[in-house]
Protein backbone atom coordinates (compact mmCIF):
# COMPACT_ATOMS: atom_id res chain seq x y z
CA MET A 1 101.34 3.67 85.75
CA SER A 2 99.88 0.28 86.56
CA LEU A 3 97.48 -0.22 89.43
CA ARG A 4 98.43 -2.37 92.38
CA VAL A 5 96.35 -5.55 92.64
CA ARG A 6 94.48 -5.56 95.91
CA LYS A 7 94.10 -8.67 98.02
CA ASN A 8 90.63 -10.22 97.91
CA ARG A 9 89.34 -10.05 101.50
CA SER A 10 86.21 -12.16 100.95
CA GLN A 11 86.18 -15.76 102.02
CA PRO A 12 86.53 -18.22 99.18
CA PRO A 13 83.25 -19.81 98.10
CA PRO A 14 82.63 -23.45 98.96
CA GLU A 15 83.59 -26.10 96.39
CA THR A 16 80.06 -26.02 95.02
CA CYS A 17 78.98 -22.46 95.51
CA ALA A 18 75.62 -22.39 97.27
CA LEU A 19 75.06 -18.81 96.16
CA GLY A 20 75.66 -19.68 92.52
CA ASP A 21 73.41 -22.72 92.74
CA CYS A 22 70.57 -20.70 94.25
CA LEU A 23 70.93 -17.85 91.78
CA THR A 24 70.98 -20.30 88.88
CA LEU A 25 67.76 -21.84 90.15
CA ILE A 26 65.82 -18.63 90.81
CA GLY A 27 67.43 -16.77 87.92
CA GLY A 28 65.76 -18.93 85.29
CA ALA A 29 63.31 -17.37 82.85
CA TRP A 30 60.11 -16.36 84.65
CA THR A 31 61.06 -18.26 87.83
CA PRO A 32 60.82 -15.33 90.27
CA ASN A 33 57.43 -14.40 88.81
CA ILE A 34 56.15 -17.98 88.96
CA LEU A 35 57.26 -18.31 92.59
CA TRP A 36 55.67 -14.95 93.39
CA TYR A 37 52.27 -15.99 92.07
CA LEU A 38 52.40 -19.48 93.58
CA ALA A 39 53.26 -18.04 97.00
CA ALA A 40 49.57 -17.19 97.51
CA GLY A 41 48.48 -20.76 96.69
CA PRO A 42 48.12 -23.23 93.84
CA ARG A 43 47.35 -21.91 90.34
CA ARG A 44 46.22 -23.61 87.16
CA PHE A 45 48.27 -23.25 83.99
CA SER A 46 45.78 -20.82 82.41
CA GLU A 47 45.83 -18.67 85.57
CA LEU A 48 49.62 -18.52 85.56
CA LYS A 49 49.58 -17.74 81.85
CA GLY A 50 47.22 -14.84 82.59
CA ASP A 51 49.43 -13.66 85.48
CA LEU A 52 52.47 -13.66 83.20
CA ARG A 53 50.91 -12.05 80.13
CA PRO A 54 54.00 -11.74 77.90
CA VAL A 55 55.11 -15.36 78.42
CA THR A 56 54.26 -17.88 75.73
CA ALA A 57 52.57 -21.18 76.57
CA ARG A 58 55.63 -23.05 75.31
CA VAL A 59 58.07 -21.14 77.52
CA LEU A 60 55.80 -21.41 80.56
CA THR A 61 55.34 -25.15 80.03
CA ARG A 62 59.10 -25.67 79.74
CA ARG A 63 59.82 -23.59 82.84
CA LEU A 64 57.15 -25.32 84.93
CA ARG A 65 58.59 -28.72 83.95
CA GLU A 66 62.10 -27.61 84.91
CA LEU A 67 60.89 -26.28 88.27
CA GLU A 68 59.04 -29.53 88.89
CA GLU A 69 62.19 -31.54 88.08
CA ASP A 70 64.16 -29.32 90.49
CA GLY A 71 61.63 -30.03 93.23
CA VAL A 72 60.52 -26.39 93.52
CA ILE A 73 56.92 -26.89 92.42
CA ARG A 74 54.50 -29.79 92.34
CA ARG A 75 52.12 -30.60 89.53
CA GLN A 76 48.80 -32.09 90.54
CA VAL A 77 46.23 -33.40 88.08
CA MET A 78 42.77 -32.56 89.44
CA PRO A 79 39.94 -35.11 89.08
CA THR A 80 37.71 -32.78 87.08
CA SER A 81 36.03 -33.10 83.73
CA PRO A 82 37.82 -32.02 81.66
CA PRO A 83 41.00 -32.76 83.67
CA SER A 84 42.88 -29.72 84.93
CA VAL A 85 46.32 -29.32 86.44
CA GLU A 86 47.31 -27.19 89.41
CA TYR A 87 50.81 -26.07 90.27
CA GLY A 88 51.88 -25.32 93.81
CA LEU A 89 55.07 -24.77 95.75
CA THR A 90 56.81 -27.65 97.47
CA ASP A 91 58.42 -27.16 100.88
CA PHE A 92 61.64 -26.44 99.00
CA GLY A 93 59.83 -23.87 96.87
CA GLN A 94 58.52 -22.24 100.05
CA ASP A 95 62.14 -22.01 101.27
CA LEU A 96 62.95 -19.81 98.26
CA LEU A 97 60.24 -17.21 99.04
CA PRO A 98 62.25 -15.19 101.60
CA ALA A 99 64.98 -14.72 98.97
CA ILE A 100 62.43 -13.63 96.37
CA ARG A 101 60.80 -11.21 98.84
CA ALA A 102 64.20 -9.78 99.82
CA ILE A 103 65.05 -9.20 96.14
CA VAL A 104 61.69 -7.45 95.65
CA ALA A 105 62.34 -5.23 98.69
CA VAL A 106 65.75 -4.20 97.37
CA GLY A 107 64.23 -3.62 93.92
CA GLU A 108 61.67 -1.27 95.47
CA ARG A 109 64.43 0.68 97.21
CA ILE A 110 66.30 0.91 93.91
CA LYS A 111 63.18 2.29 92.19
CA GLN A 112 62.64 4.84 94.98
CA ARG A 113 66.28 5.88 94.89
CA ARG A 114 66.23 6.33 91.12
CA ALA A 115 62.95 8.25 91.33
CA GLY A 116 64.44 10.49 94.03
CA LEU A 117 67.54 11.15 91.97
CA ALA A 118 65.43 11.91 88.90
CA VAL A 119 63.29 14.37 90.87
CA ALA A 120 66.41 16.07 92.18
CA GLY A 121 67.70 16.39 88.63
CA GLU A 122 70.60 14.07 89.31
CA THR A 123 71.60 10.93 87.53
CA ALA A 124 72.20 7.50 89.04
CA ILE A 125 75.45 7.19 87.07
CA VAL A 126 78.51 7.66 89.24
CA PRO A 127 81.03 9.98 87.59
CA ALA A 128 84.31 8.33 86.69
CA VAL A 129 86.34 11.16 88.21
CA LEU A 130 85.36 13.06 91.34
CA PRO A 131 87.02 16.28 92.47
CA GLU A 132 90.07 15.70 94.66
CA GLY A 133 89.06 14.69 98.17
CA ALA A 134 85.41 14.16 97.22
CA ARG A 135 83.71 10.87 98.07
CA HIS A 136 80.67 9.43 96.38
CA GLU A 137 77.86 8.35 98.70
CA THR A 138 78.16 4.78 97.41
CA ASP A 139 81.81 4.57 98.45
CA LEU A 140 81.69 2.20 101.41
CA ARG A 141 85.39 2.27 102.15
CA PRO A 142 86.33 3.91 105.45
CA GLU A 143 87.92 7.31 105.18
CA ARG A 144 91.68 7.24 105.56
CA ALA A 145 93.67 10.00 107.09
CA GLU A 146 95.76 11.72 104.45
CA PRO A 147 99.50 11.73 105.22
CA GLU A 148 100.91 15.04 106.31
CA PRO A 149 102.86 16.76 103.54
CA ALA A 150 106.60 16.85 104.11
CA GLY A 151 107.67 19.92 106.07
CA ALA A 152 104.14 20.62 107.41
CA ALA A 153 104.03 22.44 110.72
CA THR A 154 102.66 20.50 113.67
CA ALA A 155 100.82 22.20 116.46
């Protein structure tokens, strides 16, 4: 028995999908972490490298250059001896912070939910088949009234 294809009720995305563009930008390697650390103020390369311990200098350099090209961060050479470089957020980079903070907030709720399920001895995996009439708590569809069986008595 084949399943009926349901109509997509979401609005079509714009020609150039703003959501996709934003996710591509902030979804780059180490980008959310870099934005997180720069939110508190400018950081030197060595400070960012220390903040992001597992990242290699090569990967961090490449990512910082890409973010600078995208207008998310600014690179400022400081007049010190020896010269040092500071990275900070541009106004555009600041505009991305609410999205990063919202993602962090949802991530925290996910961690709490998983921890709560683990404590209760449950698993976060939704079973493929639920008993007849049962609804999983993640099912957001409104409940539908079941049709009366043929020949059912009405009161």
